[in-house]
Amino acid sequence: MSEQVDPQLQVAAPEHVANDVTEAPTTAVEVAANTQEDNTSTSAAPKFASQEEVMAHLKTLLESPETADRTVLEACKSNFYRFHNEIIAKARQQFVAEGHEEADFVAPKLPLEEEFKQLLADIKVRRAEIAAQAEAERQANLARKLEIIEKLKELAADAELIDKKTTTPSKHSKPSGKN
């Protein structure tokens, strides 16, 4: 008995799904490595073409530091120093090509590096200020919540007292009956 599948019901497998069983990870290490690869490929870390682009991005982050999470800052930092190291390597190659000893090479101080470090420090300070404000707001909210809870406890205690008074007849109440 052969099964025929209705073409309308067929579903195409995503490209990243392995159709061959031998391609599937067999150990926990392989599964973890594949998961890590998936996470790094889908991260929102920006890609930059130059140090100037990194600097421009940091300046926008300084204007709105609440959007500057640690992963974005780390991506900016690694990209900046990747470009920085490329510039240093080119300068070293040129130095050696001019006939000098590589051991005598002293890396030039690049002006963007100081500005980059200052921008990172400024963003760090702004993020710390925002975190402190958020913590102060959380503490104020906690104090307000505790105050409300205490008022509710008092009201509940008063309500119990009122209930007790209404259920017990008082001396001044008239007996119910016909007049």
Protein backbone atom coordinates (compact mmCIF):
# COMPACT_ATOMS: atom_id res chain seq x y z
CA MET A 1 0.00 0.00 0.00
CA SER A 2 1.65 3.24 -1.09
CA GLU A 3 0.82 6.57 0.44
CA GLN A 4 0.36 9.55 -1.75
CA VAL A 5 0.82 12.97 -0.21
CA ASP A 6 -1.38 15.79 -1.33
CA PRO A 7 0.96 18.46 -2.81
CA GLN A 8 -0.99 21.17 -1.00
CA LEU A 9 -0.22 19.57 2.34
CA GLN A 10 3.53 19.26 1.83
CA VAL A 11 5.59 21.59 3.92
CA ALA A 12 9.05 22.66 2.89
CA ALA A 13 11.69 22.16 5.58
CA PRO A 14 13.71 25.22 6.51
CA GLU A 15 17.22 25.31 5.06
CA HIS A 16 18.90 24.96 8.43
CA VAL A 17 17.07 21.69 9.20
CA ALA A 18 19.23 18.70 8.36
CA ASN A 19 17.46 16.17 6.17
CA ASP A 20 20.19 13.58 6.53
CA VAL A 21 20.32 11.76 9.86
CA THR A 22 24.12 11.57 9.76
CA GLU A 23 24.33 15.38 9.84
CA ALA A 24 22.48 15.65 13.14
CA PRO A 25 24.66 16.31 16.20
CA THR A 26 25.22 13.17 18.22
CA THR A 27 26.82 14.51 21.38
CA ALA A 28 25.88 17.18 23.87
CA VAL A 29 29.03 19.11 22.90
CA GLU A 30 27.97 19.20 19.25
CA VAL A 31 24.47 20.31 20.21
CA ALA A 32 25.88 23.07 22.43
CA ALA A 33 28.26 24.19 19.67
CA ASN A 34 25.41 24.35 17.15
CA THR A 35 23.25 26.29 19.59
CA GLN A 36 26.07 28.74 20.25
CA GLU A 37 26.59 29.22 16.51
CA ASP A 38 22.88 29.91 16.06
CA ASN A 39 22.91 32.45 18.90
CA THR A 40 25.94 34.30 17.58
CA SER A 41 24.60 34.44 14.04
CA THR A 42 21.28 35.91 15.16
CA SER A 43 22.68 38.42 17.63
CA ALA A 44 22.02 42.08 17.05
CA ALA A 45 25.70 43.01 17.12
CA PRO A 46 26.27 45.70 14.51
CA LYS A 47 28.83 45.29 11.74
CA PHE A 48 31.10 48.20 10.89
CA ALA A 49 33.27 49.01 7.89
CA SER A 50 35.63 51.46 9.63
CA GLN A 51 36.65 53.01 12.92
CA GLU A 52 34.71 56.13 11.97
CA GLU A 53 31.49 54.11 11.74
CA VAL A 54 32.17 52.65 15.18
CA MET A 55 32.72 56.15 16.56
CA ALA A 56 29.52 57.44 14.95
CA HIS A 57 27.57 54.53 16.44
CA LEU A 58 29.05 55.18 19.89
CA LYS A 59 28.04 58.84 19.63
CA THR A 60 24.45 57.83 18.94
CA LEU A 61 24.61 55.42 21.87
CA LEU A 62 25.84 58.24 24.08
CA GLU A 63 22.73 60.22 23.17
CA SER A 64 20.49 57.31 24.18
CA PRO A 65 22.57 55.09 26.50
CA GLU A 66 19.56 53.06 27.59
CA THR A 67 19.78 51.29 24.21
CA ALA A 68 23.46 50.47 24.71
CA ASP A 69 23.51 47.00 26.14
CA ARG A 70 26.71 45.20 26.97
CA THR A 71 26.78 43.08 23.80
CA VAL A 72 26.51 46.13 21.54
CA LEU A 73 29.29 47.91 23.42
CA GLU A 74 31.48 44.80 23.27
CA ALA A 75 30.84 44.54 19.52
CA CYS A 76 31.82 48.19 19.07
CA LYS A 77 34.94 47.68 21.14
CA SER A 78 36.05 44.54 19.30
CA ASN A 79 35.38 46.11 15.90
CA PHE A 80 37.25 49.29 16.80
CA TYR A 81 40.31 47.39 18.00
CA ARG A 82 40.16 45.07 15.00
CA PHE A 83 40.49 48.12 12.75
CA HIS A 84 43.06 49.61 15.12
CA ASN A 85 45.21 46.45 14.98
CA GLU A 86 44.96 46.39 11.18
CA ILE A 87 46.31 49.96 11.04
CA ILE A 88 49.14 49.06 13.44
CA ALA A 89 49.99 45.94 11.39
CA LYS A 90 50.14 47.98 8.18
CA ALA A 91 52.37 50.56 9.87
CA ARG A 92 54.64 47.75 11.14
CA GLN A 93 54.85 46.23 7.65
CA GLN A 94 55.74 49.60 6.17
CA PHE A 95 58.34 50.16 8.90
CA VAL A 96 59.99 46.80 8.14
CA ALA A 97 59.71 47.40 4.37
CA GLU A 98 61.70 50.62 4.83
CA GLY A 99 64.56 48.50 6.15
CA HIS A 100 64.11 48.95 9.91
CA GLU A 101 64.17 46.17 12.48
CA GLU A 102 60.75 44.97 13.59
CA ALA A 103 61.90 45.06 17.22
CA ASP A 104 62.49 48.83 16.90
CA PHE A 105 58.90 49.47 15.84
CA VAL A 106 56.83 51.59 18.20
CA ALA A 107 53.10 51.63 17.52
CA PRO A 108 51.85 55.11 16.66
CA LYS A 109 49.33 56.72 18.99
CA LEU A 110 46.14 57.08 17.00
CA PRO A 111 43.93 60.09 17.83
CA LEU A 112 40.69 58.15 17.48
CA GLU A 113 41.72 55.76 20.23
CA GLU A 114 41.63 58.43 22.93
CA GLU A 115 38.26 59.71 21.70
CA PHE A 116 37.00 56.11 21.58
CA LYS A 117 38.07 55.46 25.17
CA GLN A 118 36.43 58.71 26.29
CA LEU A 119 33.17 57.83 24.54
CA LEU A 120 33.13 54.41 26.21
CA ALA A 121 33.80 56.01 29.59
CA ASP A 122 31.01 58.56 29.04
CA ILE A 123 28.56 55.82 28.04
CA LYS A 124 29.56 53.82 31.12
CA VAL A 125 28.90 56.84 33.37
CA ARG A 126 25.52 57.52 31.71
CA ARG A 127 24.50 53.86 32.02
CA ALA A 128 25.49 53.91 35.70
CA GLU A 129 23.36 57.04 36.22
CA ILE A 130 20.40 55.39 34.52
CA ALA A 131 20.87 52.24 36.61
CA ALA A 132 21.02 54.34 39.79
CA GLN A 133 17.82 56.18 38.82
CA ALA A 134 16.09 52.89 38.07
CA GLU A 135 17.21 51.46 41.42
CA ALA A 136 15.97 54.57 43.26
CA GLU A 137 12.63 54.26 41.47
CA ARG A 138 12.41 50.57 42.40
CA GLN A 139 13.11 51.41 46.04
CA ALA A 140 10.47 54.17 46.02
CA ASN A 141 7.96 51.76 44.46
CA LEU A 142 8.79 49.14 47.08
CA ALA A 143 8.28 51.65 49.90
CA ARG A 144 4.94 52.72 48.37
CA LYS A 145 3.83 49.09 48.01
CA LEU A 146 4.74 48.32 51.63
CA GLU A 147 2.81 51.39 52.75
CA ILE A 148 -0.25 50.25 50.79
CA ILE A 149 0.04 46.76 52.29
CA GLU A 150 0.10 48.23 55.80
CA LYS A 151 -2.98 50.35 55.06
CA LEU A 152 -4.77 47.27 53.73
CA LYS A 153 -3.86 45.36 56.89
CA GLU A 154 -5.29 48.21 59.00
CA LEU A 155 -8.46 48.30 56.91
CA ALA A 156 -8.82 44.55 57.21
CA ALA A 157 -8.45 44.77 60.98
CA ASP A 158 -11.01 47.60 61.11
CA ALA A 159 -13.39 45.59 58.94
CA GLU A 160 -13.14 42.66 61.34
CA LEU A 161 -13.97 45.01 64.21
CA ILE A 162 -16.94 46.41 62.33
CA ASP A 163 -18.15 42.90 61.54
CA LYS A 164 -17.93 41.93 65.22
CA LYS A 165 -19.89 45.02 66.29
CA THR A 166 -22.66 44.44 63.78
CA THR A 167 -23.10 40.78 64.66
CA THR A 168 -23.41 41.34 68.43
CA PRO A 169 -26.49 43.20 69.63
CA SER A 170 -25.79 46.39 71.50
CA LYS A 171 -27.55 47.60 74.66
CA HIS A 172 -29.34 50.34 72.82
CA SER A 173 -30.74 48.31 70.01
CA LYS A 174 -34.44 47.58 70.07
CA PRO A 175 -35.47 44.00 70.04
CA SER A 176 -36.99 43.05 66.81
CA GLY A 177 -40.59 42.33 67.07
CA LYS A 178 -44.02 43.67 66.42
CA ASN A 179 -45.05 46.96 67.92
